[in-house]
N, C-alpha and C. Protein backbone atom coordinates (compact mmCIF):
# COMPACT_ATOMS: atom_id res chain seq x y z
N GLY A 1 -10.74 -21.74 -9.86
CA GLY A 1 -10.39 -22.99 -10.27
C GLY A 1 -10.98 -24.03 -10.57
N LYS A 2 -10.78 -25.37 -10.41
CA LYS A 2 -11.59 -26.37 -10.93
C LYS A 2 -12.84 -26.56 -10.48
N GLY A 3 -14.16 -26.69 -10.93
CA GLY A 3 -15.39 -26.76 -10.75
C GLY A 3 -16.29 -25.20 -10.12
N ALA A 4 -15.28 -24.12 -10.27
CA ALA A 4 -15.51 -22.93 -10.00
C ALA A 4 -16.96 -22.52 -10.74
N LYS A 5 -17.28 -23.16 -12.32
CA LYS A 5 -18.22 -22.61 -12.91
C LYS A 5 -19.35 -23.37 -12.58
N GLU A 6 -19.12 -24.50 -12.24
CA GLU A 6 -20.04 -25.46 -11.79
C GLU A 6 -21.03 -24.88 -10.28
N LEU A 7 -19.85 -24.20 -9.40
CA LEU A 7 -20.66 -24.08 -8.30
C LEU A 7 -21.53 -22.39 -8.78
N ALA A 8 -20.77 -21.67 -9.42
CA ALA A 8 -21.52 -20.28 -10.11
C ALA A 8 -22.59 -20.66 -10.19
N LEU A 9 -22.96 -21.69 -11.06
CA LEU A 9 -24.22 -22.06 -11.47
C LEU A 9 -25.52 -22.42 -10.51
N ARG A 10 -24.78 -23.06 -9.58
CA ARG A 10 -25.59 -23.59 -8.40
C ARG A 10 -25.81 -22.82 -7.46
N ILE A 11 -25.33 -21.62 -7.11
CA ILE A 11 -25.47 -20.63 -5.81
C ILE A 11 -26.04 -19.28 -6.36
N SER A 12 -26.78 -18.58 -5.63
CA SER A 12 -27.33 -17.51 -5.91
C SER A 12 -26.35 -16.22 -5.82
N ALA A 13 -26.74 -14.98 -6.34
CA ALA A 13 -25.92 -13.84 -6.15
C ALA A 13 -25.51 -13.71 -4.86
N ASP A 14 -26.66 -13.83 -3.87
CA ASP A 14 -26.15 -13.71 -2.58
C ASP A 14 -25.15 -14.55 -1.73
N GLU A 15 -25.20 -15.71 -2.13
CA GLU A 15 -24.64 -16.84 -1.41
C GLU A 15 -23.04 -16.76 -2.28
N HIS A 16 -23.01 -16.25 -3.44
CA HIS A 16 -21.52 -15.82 -4.31
C HIS A 16 -21.09 -14.68 -3.56
N LYS A 17 -21.58 -13.74 -3.12
CA LYS A 17 -21.14 -12.51 -2.31
C LYS A 17 -20.40 -12.70 -1.12
N ARG A 18 -21.43 -13.78 -0.52
CA ARG A 18 -20.93 -14.30 1.00
C ARG A 18 -19.69 -14.97 0.86
N LEU A 19 -19.50 -15.87 -0.18
CA LEU A 19 -18.28 -16.55 -0.58
C LEU A 19 -17.14 -16.09 -0.56
N MET A 20 -17.50 -14.89 -1.37
CA MET A 20 -16.30 -13.84 -1.74
C MET A 20 -15.74 -13.10 -0.92
N ASN A 21 -16.35 -12.92 -0.06
CA ASN A 21 -16.10 -12.19 1.76
C ASN A 21 -15.67 -12.99 2.59
N SER A 22 -15.90 -14.46 2.45
CA SER A 22 -15.33 -15.22 3.61
C SER A 22 -13.84 -15.14 3.85
N PRO A 23 -13.51 -15.65 4.57
CA PRO A 23 -11.88 -15.74 5.16
C PRO A 23 -11.17 -16.55 4.23
N ALA A 24 -11.47 -17.33 3.63
CA ALA A 24 -10.73 -18.00 2.33
C ALA A 24 -10.49 -17.49 1.35
N CYS A 25 -11.55 -16.52 0.76
CA CYS A 25 -11.82 -16.11 -0.45
C CYS A 25 -10.61 -14.66 -0.23
N VAL A 26 -11.20 -14.00 0.76
CA VAL A 26 -10.32 -12.58 1.31
C VAL A 26 -9.31 -12.82 1.45
N ASP A 27 -8.58 -14.27 1.93
CA ASP A 27 -7.08 -14.22 2.08
C ASP A 27 -6.59 -14.19 0.46
N GLU A 28 -7.09 -14.89 -0.41
CA GLU A 28 -6.56 -15.29 -1.62
C GLU A 28 -6.43 -13.85 -2.19
N SER A 29 -7.29 -13.07 -2.30
CA SER A 29 -7.24 -11.86 -3.07
C SER A 29 -6.14 -11.12 -2.24
N SER A 30 -6.06 -11.32 -0.97
CA SER A 30 -5.02 -10.00 -0.31
C SER A 30 -3.57 -10.66 -0.21
N THR A 31 -3.20 -10.48 -1.51
CA THR A 31 -1.60 -11.37 -1.70
C THR A 31 -0.67 -10.36 -1.01
N MET A 32 -0.89 -9.23 -0.69
CA MET A 32 0.26 -8.27 -0.41
C MET A 32 0.89 -8.90 0.62
N VAL A 33 2.37 -8.83 0.63
CA VAL A 33 3.33 -9.38 1.56
C VAL A 33 3.73 -7.79 2.17
N THR A 34 3.74 -7.29 3.17
CA THR A 34 4.12 -6.02 3.64
C THR A 34 5.49 -6.38 4.63
N PHE A 35 5.30 -7.54 5.05
CA PHE A 35 6.66 -7.48 6.17
C PHE A 35 7.28 -8.69 5.87
N GLY A 36 8.15 -8.28 4.74
CA GLY A 36 9.25 -9.31 4.17
C GLY A 36 8.54 -10.28 3.08
N THR A 37 9.32 -11.25 2.45
CA THR A 37 8.65 -11.71 0.99
C THR A 37 8.50 -13.04 2.06
N ASP A 38 7.86 -13.30 3.00
CA ASP A 38 7.32 -14.77 3.15
C ASP A 38 5.66 -14.84 2.45
N GLU A 39 5.30 -15.59 1.40
CA GLU A 39 4.06 -15.47 1.30
C GLU A 39 2.97 -16.00 2.48
N ASN A 40 3.53 -16.41 3.18
CA ASN A 40 2.89 -17.32 4.43
C ASN A 40 2.11 -16.07 5.30
N LYS A 41 3.24 -15.18 5.38
CA LYS A 41 2.57 -13.84 6.35
C LYS A 41 2.16 -14.26 7.53
N ILE A 42 3.44 -14.98 8.24
CA ILE A 42 3.67 -14.81 9.70
C ILE A 42 4.45 -13.88 10.23
N VAL A 43 3.88 -13.14 11.28
CA VAL A 43 4.84 -11.93 11.83
C VAL A 43 4.63 -12.07 13.04
N ILE A 44 6.29 -11.97 13.52
CA ILE A 44 6.70 -12.00 15.12
C ILE A 44 6.09 -10.43 15.40
N GLY A 45 5.11 -10.39 16.63
CA GLY A 45 5.01 -9.41 17.13
C GLY A 45 4.14 -9.60 18.43
N ASP A 46 3.74 -8.61 19.11
CA ASP A 46 3.13 -8.85 20.35
C ASP A 46 1.66 -7.91 20.10
N ALA A 47 1.27 -7.55 21.58
CA ALA A 47 -0.11 -6.89 21.48
C ALA A 47 0.01 -5.60 20.82
N ALA A 48 1.01 -5.07 20.93
CA ALA A 48 1.27 -3.59 20.37
C ALA A 48 0.93 -3.89 18.92
N LEU A 49 1.31 -4.60 18.33
CA LEU A 49 1.08 -4.86 16.47
C LEU A 49 -0.22 -5.24 16.45
N LEU A 50 -0.86 -6.05 17.56
CA LEU A 50 -2.33 -6.18 17.11
C LEU A 50 -3.35 -4.75 17.23
N THR A 51 -2.73 -3.99 18.32
CA THR A 51 -3.73 -2.78 18.19
C THR A 51 -3.12 -1.58 17.74
N SER A 52 -1.68 -1.68 16.94
CA SER A 52 -1.54 -0.56 16.24
C SER A 52 -1.70 -0.78 14.61
N TYR A 53 -1.46 -2.01 14.38
CA TYR A 53 -1.84 -2.44 12.77
C TYR A 53 -2.99 -3.02 12.24
N VAL A 54 -2.77 -4.21 13.51
CA VAL A 54 -4.22 -4.83 12.77
C VAL A 54 -5.47 -4.22 13.43
N LYS A 55 -5.27 -3.39 14.43
CA LYS A 55 -6.40 -2.32 15.07
C LYS A 55 -7.63 -3.47 15.62
N LEU A 56 -6.59 -4.50 16.19
CA LEU A 56 -7.50 -5.89 16.94
C LEU A 56 -7.40 -5.56 18.45
N ASP A 57 -8.25 -4.73 19.31
CA ASP A 57 -7.97 -4.18 20.63
C ASP A 57 -9.25 -5.13 21.46
N ASP A 58 -8.39 -6.40 21.46
CA ASP A 58 -8.79 -7.80 22.22
C ASP A 58 -8.20 -7.82 23.22
N PRO A 59 -8.34 -7.95 24.58
CA PRO A 59 -8.13 -8.28 25.88
C PRO A 59 -7.59 -9.70 25.56
N ALA A 60 -8.45 -10.60 25.31
CA ALA A 60 -7.92 -12.06 24.97
C ALA A 60 -6.95 -12.56 23.93
N ALA A 61 -6.79 -11.65 22.95
CA ALA A 61 -5.78 -12.05 22.01
C ALA A 61 -4.73 -11.24 22.50
N ALA A 62 -4.59 -9.96 23.36
CA ALA A 62 -3.07 -10.01 23.93
C ALA A 62 -2.74 -10.75 25.01
N LYS A 63 -3.59 -11.17 25.82
CA LYS A 63 -3.47 -12.27 26.77
C LYS A 63 -3.13 -13.53 26.03
N ALA A 64 -3.22 -14.20 25.22
CA ALA A 64 -2.74 -15.33 24.28
C ALA A 64 -1.34 -15.04 23.66
N LEU A 65 -1.15 -13.86 23.28
CA LEU A 65 0.42 -13.63 22.54
C LEU A 65 1.32 -13.49 23.73
N ALA A 66 0.74 -12.91 25.11
CA ALA A 66 1.79 -12.89 26.14
C ALA A 66 1.81 -14.10 26.94
N GLU A 67 1.03 -15.23 26.64
CA GLU A 67 1.29 -16.61 27.09
C GLU A 67 2.03 -17.26 26.19
N GLY A 68 1.94 -16.98 24.73
CA GLY A 68 2.85 -17.64 23.87
C GLY A 68 1.85 -18.33 23.28
N THR A 69 0.71 -18.04 22.74
CA THR A 69 -0.39 -18.24 21.73
C THR A 69 -0.18 -17.41 20.75
N PRO A 70 -0.10 -18.16 19.35
CA PRO A 70 -0.07 -16.86 18.18
C PRO A 70 -1.91 -16.46 17.95
N VAL A 71 -1.76 -15.47 17.55
CA VAL A 71 -2.93 -14.96 17.06
C VAL A 71 -3.15 -15.22 15.57
N LEU A 72 -3.95 -15.92 15.13
CA LEU A 72 -4.42 -15.89 14.01
C LEU A 72 -5.47 -14.75 13.25
N LEU A 73 -5.20 -14.45 12.21
CA LEU A 73 -6.28 -13.34 11.73
C LEU A 73 -7.38 -14.03 10.95
N ASN A 74 -7.11 -15.09 10.35
CA ASN A 74 -7.87 -15.90 9.36
C ASN A 74 -8.23 -17.10 9.67
N SER A 75 -9.60 -17.54 9.93
CA SER A 75 -10.06 -18.58 10.59
C SER A 75 -10.37 -19.61 9.50
N ALA A 76 -9.96 -19.44 8.27
CA ALA A 76 -9.82 -20.53 7.06
C ALA A 76 -8.80 -21.13 7.62
N TYR A 77 -7.73 -21.13 8.00
CA TYR A 77 -6.67 -21.87 8.58
C TYR A 77 -6.64 -22.57 9.58
N ALA A 78 -7.66 -22.32 10.46
CA ALA A 78 -7.47 -22.80 11.67
C ALA A 78 -8.31 -24.13 12.01
N LYS A 79 -8.59 -25.47 12.39
CA LYS A 79 -8.88 -26.57 12.58
C LYS A 79 -9.13 -27.32 13.91
N ASP A 80 -10.46 -26.82 14.75
CA ASP A 80 -10.53 -26.78 15.95
C ASP A 80 -9.21 -26.19 16.72
N GLY A 81 -9.19 -24.91 16.59
CA GLY A 81 -8.52 -23.93 17.21
C GLY A 81 -6.95 -23.95 17.19
N GLU A 82 -6.66 -24.78 16.23
CA GLU A 82 -5.30 -25.22 15.90
C GLU A 82 -4.75 -24.85 14.31
N VAL A 83 -3.51 -24.46 14.01
CA VAL A 83 -3.02 -24.63 12.63
C VAL A 83 -1.86 -25.36 12.80
N THR A 84 -1.69 -26.03 11.43
CA THR A 84 -0.44 -26.89 11.19
C THR A 84 0.74 -25.66 10.59
N LEU A 85 1.94 -25.99 11.20
CA LEU A 85 3.04 -25.11 10.77
C LEU A 85 3.89 -26.13 10.27
N LYS A 86 4.37 -25.88 9.01
CA LYS A 86 5.56 -26.57 8.29
C LYS A 86 6.62 -25.85 8.32
N ALA A 87 7.75 -25.76 8.69
CA ALA A 87 9.01 -25.05 8.69
C ALA A 87 10.04 -25.85 7.75
N VAL A 88 10.75 -25.28 6.81
CA VAL A 88 12.05 -25.97 6.60
C VAL A 88 13.15 -25.00 7.07
N HIS A 89 13.66 -25.96 7.93
CA HIS A 89 15.10 -25.31 8.80
C HIS A 89 16.16 -25.26 7.72
N THR A 90 16.52 -24.08 7.49
CA THR A 90 17.61 -23.92 6.39
C THR A 90 18.50 -22.79 7.20
N TYR A 91 19.64 -23.01 7.36
CA TYR A 91 20.62 -21.86 7.99
C TYR A 91 21.45 -21.30 7.15
N ASN A 92 22.04 -20.42 7.06
CA ASN A 92 23.15 -19.66 6.22
C ASN A 92 24.55 -20.18 7.01
N GLU A 93 25.85 -20.62 6.26
CA GLU A 93 26.59 -21.22 7.01
C GLU A 93 27.52 -20.12 7.17
N ARG A 94 27.27 -18.64 7.06
CA ARG A 94 27.97 -17.67 7.57
C ARG A 94 27.00 -16.82 8.89
N ASP A 95 26.16 -17.49 9.37
CA ASP A 95 25.31 -17.11 10.35
C ASP A 95 25.94 -18.26 11.76
N LYS A 96 26.84 -18.03 12.23
CA LYS A 96 27.49 -18.81 12.78
C LYS A 96 26.54 -19.07 14.17
N GLU A 97 25.96 -17.95 14.54
CA GLU A 97 25.18 -18.20 16.09
C GLU A 97 23.96 -19.37 15.76
N MET A 98 23.40 -19.20 14.57
CA MET A 98 22.36 -20.01 14.44
C MET A 98 22.88 -21.29 13.83
N ARG A 99 23.86 -21.65 13.35
CA ARG A 99 24.60 -23.13 13.03
C ARG A 99 25.04 -23.57 14.02
N ALA A 100 25.37 -22.82 15.06
CA ALA A 100 25.96 -23.65 16.23
C ALA A 100 24.64 -24.19 16.90
N LEU A 101 23.40 -23.53 17.23
CA LEU A 101 22.25 -24.12 17.51
C LEU A 101 21.43 -25.25 16.63
N HIS A 102 21.80 -25.06 15.37
CA HIS A 102 21.20 -26.26 14.51
C HIS A 102 22.15 -26.91 13.51
N PRO A 103 23.00 -27.43 14.13
CA PRO A 103 24.00 -27.97 13.16
C PRO A 103 23.42 -29.16 12.00
N GLY A 104 24.24 -29.38 11.16
CA GLY A 104 23.52 -30.64 10.07
C GLY A 104 22.62 -30.00 9.12
N LYS A 105 22.20 -31.04 7.95
CA LYS A 105 21.45 -30.69 7.09
C LYS A 105 20.18 -30.17 7.40
N ALA A 106 19.79 -29.46 6.40
CA ALA A 106 18.45 -28.32 6.62
C ALA A 106 17.22 -29.56 6.75
N ARG A 107 16.22 -29.38 7.75
CA ARG A 107 15.08 -30.29 8.06
C ARG A 107 14.00 -29.52 7.95
N THR A 108 12.84 -30.61 8.17
CA THR A 108 11.32 -29.98 7.83
C THR A 108 10.69 -30.47 8.97
N THR A 109 9.99 -29.46 9.63
CA THR A 109 9.35 -29.93 10.86
C THR A 109 7.61 -29.24 10.66
N THR A 110 6.76 -29.89 11.26
CA THR A 110 5.60 -29.89 11.19
C THR A 110 4.77 -30.08 12.70
N ASP A 111 4.21 -28.78 12.99
CA ASP A 111 3.86 -28.42 14.13
C ASP A 111 2.50 -27.94 14.28
N ARG A 112 1.80 -28.57 15.44
CA ARG A 112 0.47 -28.49 15.42
C ARG A 112 0.41 -27.00 16.53
N LEU A 113 -0.15 -26.18 16.39
CA LEU A 113 0.07 -24.92 17.24
C LEU A 113 -1.67 -24.64 17.41
N LYS A 114 -2.02 -24.46 18.81
CA LYS A 114 -3.01 -24.06 19.10
C LYS A 114 -3.32 -22.29 19.20
N VAL A 115 -4.15 -21.99 18.46
CA VAL A 115 -3.94 -20.20 18.23
C VAL A 115 -5.21 -19.72 18.79
N TYR A 116 -5.29 -18.28 19.18
CA TYR A 116 -6.39 -17.54 19.22
C TYR A 116 -6.93 -17.24 18.20
N VAL A 117 -7.92 -17.50 17.78
CA VAL A 117 -8.89 -17.13 16.20
C VAL A 117 -9.10 -15.99 16.22
N ALA A 118 -9.00 -14.80 15.29
CA ALA A 118 -9.53 -13.72 15.51
C ALA A 118 -10.81 -13.35 14.83
N PRO A 119 -11.68 -12.49 15.00
CA PRO A 119 -12.77 -12.63 14.41
C PRO A 119 -12.74 -12.42 12.96
N ASP A 120 -13.55 -12.92 12.05
CA ASP A 120 -13.42 -12.91 10.56
C ASP A 120 -12.98 -11.55 10.04
N ARG A 121 -13.50 -10.33 10.39
CA ARG A 121 -13.16 -9.54 10.12
C ARG A 121 -11.59 -8.61 9.79
N TYR A 122 -11.02 -9.28 10.33
CA TYR A 122 -9.67 -9.32 10.45
C TYR A 122 -8.81 -9.98 9.10
N ALA A 123 -9.59 -10.67 8.70
CA ALA A 123 -8.69 -12.05 7.51
C ALA A 123 -8.11 -10.91 6.65
N SER A 124 -8.62 -10.06 6.27
CA SER A 124 -8.18 -9.21 5.20
C SER A 124 -7.07 -8.17 5.67
N THR A 125 -6.56 -8.16 6.61
CA THR A 125 -5.51 -7.47 7.28
C THR A 125 -4.12 -7.58 6.13
N PRO A 126 -3.72 -6.49 5.72
CA PRO A 126 -2.89 -6.55 4.69
C PRO A 126 -1.32 -7.15 5.41
N GLY A 127 -0.86 -8.16 4.72
CA GLY A 127 0.73 -8.14 4.94
C GLY A 127 0.64 -9.34 6.08
N ILE A 128 -0.41 -9.60 6.70
CA ILE A 128 -0.45 -10.54 8.27
C ILE A 128 -1.26 -11.61 8.11
N ARG A 129 -1.16 -12.70 8.20
CA ARG A 129 -2.21 -13.75 8.36
C ARG A 129 -1.97 -14.53 9.56
N MET A 130 -0.91 -14.38 10.37
CA MET A 130 -0.92 -14.81 12.17
C MET A 130 0.21 -13.86 12.82
N VAL A 131 0.12 -13.55 13.81
CA VAL A 131 1.13 -12.66 14.84
C VAL A 131 1.72 -14.12 15.92
N MET A 132 2.69 -14.08 15.90
CA MET A 132 3.26 -15.23 16.46
C MET A 132 4.59 -14.42 17.25
N PRO A 133 4.15 -14.97 18.62
CA PRO A 133 4.80 -14.03 19.69
C PRO A 133 6.61 -14.66 19.78
N GLN A 134 7.45 -13.95 19.86
CA GLN A 134 8.91 -14.15 19.65
C GLN A 134 9.42 -15.46 20.23
N ARG A 135 8.67 -15.80 22.01
CA ARG A 135 9.48 -17.09 22.18
C ARG A 135 8.56 -18.38 21.43
N THR A 136 7.62 -18.01 21.07
CA THR A 136 7.22 -19.31 20.28
C THR A 136 7.99 -19.56 19.18
N ALA A 137 8.15 -18.33 18.32
CA ALA A 137 9.10 -18.79 17.43
C ALA A 137 10.42 -19.22 17.67
N ASP A 138 11.14 -18.94 18.85
CA ASP A 138 12.29 -19.27 19.16
C ASP A 138 12.16 -20.74 19.53
N ARG A 139 11.00 -21.20 20.26
CA ARG A 139 10.87 -22.54 20.68
C ARG A 139 10.66 -23.55 19.64
N LEU A 140 10.50 -23.11 18.46
CA LEU A 140 9.86 -23.81 17.66
C LEU A 140 11.40 -23.67 16.41
N GLY A 141 12.27 -23.21 17.02
CA GLY A 141 13.56 -23.09 16.13
C GLY A 141 13.47 -22.24 14.85
N LEU A 142 12.29 -21.14 14.77
CA LEU A 142 11.99 -20.14 13.46
C LEU A 142 13.20 -19.07 13.66
N HIS A 143 14.08 -18.89 12.60
CA HIS A 143 14.96 -17.75 12.57
C HIS A 143 14.12 -16.31 12.22
N SER A 144 13.85 -15.24 13.19
CA SER A 144 13.38 -14.14 12.73
C SER A 144 14.30 -12.91 13.02
N GLU A 145 14.12 -11.80 12.24
CA GLU A 145 14.55 -10.72 12.16
C GLU A 145 13.86 -9.43 12.20
N GLU A 146 14.26 -8.19 12.53
CA GLU A 146 13.54 -7.07 12.65
C GLU A 146 13.28 -6.68 11.01
N TYR A 147 12.29 -6.22 10.49
CA TYR A 147 12.01 -6.14 9.18
C TYR A 147 11.60 -4.59 8.77
N GLY A 148 10.65 -4.17 9.82
CA GLY A 148 10.25 -2.71 9.41
C GLY A 148 9.83 -2.19 10.91
N SER A 149 9.10 -0.97 10.41
CA SER A 149 8.82 -0.28 11.77
C SER A 149 7.05 0.30 11.61
N ILE A 150 6.26 0.38 12.88
CA ILE A 150 5.12 0.67 12.47
C ILE A 150 4.86 1.89 13.38
N TYR A 151 4.76 3.07 12.74
CA TYR A 151 4.14 4.44 13.44
C TYR A 151 2.71 4.68 13.42
N THR A 152 2.08 5.03 14.10
CA THR A 152 0.49 4.93 13.92
C THR A 152 0.48 6.50 14.65
N LEU A 153 -0.58 7.36 13.77
CA LEU A 153 -0.98 8.84 14.08
C LEU A 153 -2.30 8.83 14.57
N ASN A 154 -2.50 9.77 15.21
CA ASN A 154 -4.00 9.92 15.75
C ASN A 154 -4.68 10.94 14.81
N ARG A 155 -3.87 11.60 13.95
CA ARG A 155 -4.21 12.28 12.78
C ARG A 155 -3.81 12.31 11.19
N GLU A 156 -4.35 12.66 10.41
CA GLU A 156 -3.42 12.77 9.31
C GLU A 156 -2.63 13.67 9.48
N PRO A 157 -0.90 13.20 9.00
CA PRO A 157 -0.09 14.18 8.75
C PRO A 157 -0.16 15.37 7.79
N THR A 158 0.42 16.60 8.34
CA THR A 158 0.63 17.87 7.79
C THR A 158 1.33 17.44 6.27
N ASP A 159 1.28 18.47 5.12
CA ASP A 159 2.02 18.31 4.13
C ASP A 159 3.50 18.43 4.31
N ALA A 160 4.01 19.06 5.87
CA ALA A 160 5.25 19.38 5.95
C ALA A 160 5.96 17.92 6.47
N GLU A 161 5.07 17.08 7.13
CA GLU A 161 5.49 15.91 7.81
C GLU A 161 5.49 14.65 6.59
N ARG A 162 4.72 14.70 5.64
CA ARG A 162 4.70 14.06 4.47
C ARG A 162 6.18 14.55 3.87
N GLN A 163 6.24 15.56 3.29
CA GLN A 163 7.37 15.74 2.75
C GLN A 163 8.69 15.49 3.33
N GLY A 164 8.82 15.41 4.91
CA GLY A 164 10.03 15.05 5.33
C GLY A 164 10.18 13.59 5.93
N ALA A 165 8.75 12.88 5.54
CA ALA A 165 9.09 11.43 5.50
C ALA A 165 9.70 11.01 4.24
N ASP A 166 9.15 11.56 3.58
CA ASP A 166 9.55 11.24 1.71
C ASP A 166 10.79 11.55 1.77
N ALA A 167 11.51 12.71 2.23
CA ALA A 167 12.70 12.92 2.05
C ALA A 167 13.85 12.01 2.72
N ALA A 168 13.21 11.74 4.16
CA ALA A 168 14.27 10.74 4.63
C ALA A 168 14.26 9.52 4.18
N ILE A 169 13.02 9.08 3.39
CA ILE A 169 13.00 7.95 2.70
C ILE A 169 14.02 8.00 1.65
N GLU A 170 13.95 8.97 0.93
CA GLU A 170 15.09 9.44 -0.56
C GLU A 170 16.34 9.14 -0.05
N GLN A 171 16.61 9.67 1.16
CA GLN A 171 17.91 10.03 1.65
C GLN A 171 18.55 8.66 2.13
N ALA A 172 17.55 7.57 2.65
CA ALA A 172 18.22 6.23 3.26
C ALA A 172 18.01 5.48 1.66
N GLY A 173 17.91 5.63 0.88
CA GLY A 173 18.33 4.66 -0.11
C GLY A 173 16.89 4.63 -1.17
N ASN A 174 15.93 5.02 -0.71
CA ASN A 174 14.42 4.48 -1.24
C ASN A 174 14.13 2.95 -1.06
N ARG A 175 14.51 2.68 0.16
CA ARG A 175 14.25 1.34 0.11
C ARG A 175 13.31 1.07 1.25
N ALA A 176 12.13 1.79 1.06
CA ALA A 176 11.22 1.81 1.91
C ALA A 176 9.74 2.45 1.43
N TYR A 177 8.97 1.84 1.93
CA TYR A 177 7.21 2.43 1.56
C TYR A 177 6.82 2.83 2.86
N VAL A 178 5.37 3.74 2.42
CA VAL A 178 4.92 3.91 3.43
C VAL A 178 3.78 3.73 3.30
N MET A 179 2.77 3.05 4.19
CA MET A 179 1.40 2.74 3.94
C MET A 179 0.41 3.34 4.99
N THR A 180 -0.68 3.52 4.35
CA THR A 180 -1.89 4.18 4.78
C THR A 180 -3.04 3.77 4.92
N ALA A 181 -4.05 4.03 5.90
CA ALA A 181 -5.40 3.40 5.58
C ALA A 181 -6.20 4.37 4.79
N ASN A 182 -5.88 5.58 4.81
CA ASN A 182 -6.52 6.72 4.23
C ASN A 182 -6.55 6.51 2.47
N PRO A 183 -7.81 6.23 1.99
CA PRO A 183 -8.11 5.77 0.49
C PRO A 183 -7.54 7.00 -0.33
N GLU A 184 -7.89 8.39 0.24
CA GLU A 184 -7.60 9.31 -1.03
C GLU A 184 -5.75 9.50 -1.15
N ARG A 185 -5.29 8.71 -0.10
CA ARG A 185 -3.52 8.92 -0.09
C ARG A 185 -3.01 7.58 -0.74
N GLN A 186 -3.97 6.72 -0.58
CA GLN A 186 -3.21 5.24 -0.57
C GLN A 186 -2.35 5.35 -2.47
N GLY A 187 -2.79 5.82 -3.44
CA GLY A 187 -2.11 5.84 -4.89
C GLY A 187 -0.88 6.55 -4.28
N GLU A 188 -0.38 7.50 -3.81
CA GLU A 188 0.72 8.27 -3.53
C GLU A 188 1.47 7.32 -2.65
N ASP A 189 0.69 7.07 -1.54
CA ASP A 189 1.75 6.25 -0.33
C ASP A 189 2.04 5.21 -0.38
N GLU A 190 1.30 4.36 -1.21
CA GLU A 190 1.49 2.72 -1.08
C GLU A 190 2.98 2.33 -1.31
N ALA A 191 3.45 2.93 -2.36
CA ALA A 191 5.04 2.83 -2.38
C ALA A 191 5.76 3.72 -2.74
N VAL A 192 6.48 4.02 -1.89
CA VAL A 192 7.15 5.43 -2.27
C VAL A 192 8.64 5.40 -2.44
């Protein structure tokens, strides 16, 4: 961006490496959208999502979610333990239930939310920037829907299990994909 060349000339290679691995830069390079099409990467979830997908096994984070406080995985978005959440509330006329709850024209809201800020190493979690409890989304008038499932294994799947999953996905119309943390399998599993 603007001023990047000047900055590069002023800092050492070690400082450049540190900056490139900071939450702000890691987030910019982690543009994968895993759960839906929202580039904000706010996912509705609970402590099970933190431990299964994020791999954040932190009792304080789990407690925060249980109490209705979102867990922010990227500290670059927090200021004094809060985030600013701007939402445009538009509702489809066919969604009678939501229209009844939110009549009138689309509106924009801006809320300051207290958040639990996870350690910086979680900033590069693919597809998630913040985990928000369902009740908080409801309180803010945000619409949510189930989008996917996460299944964790404590071992690598067998070839037969992989083939079975591939066949089930194909039978369902090939509108799903499998993600894996195994670098040897990422090329074939990233998008099935």
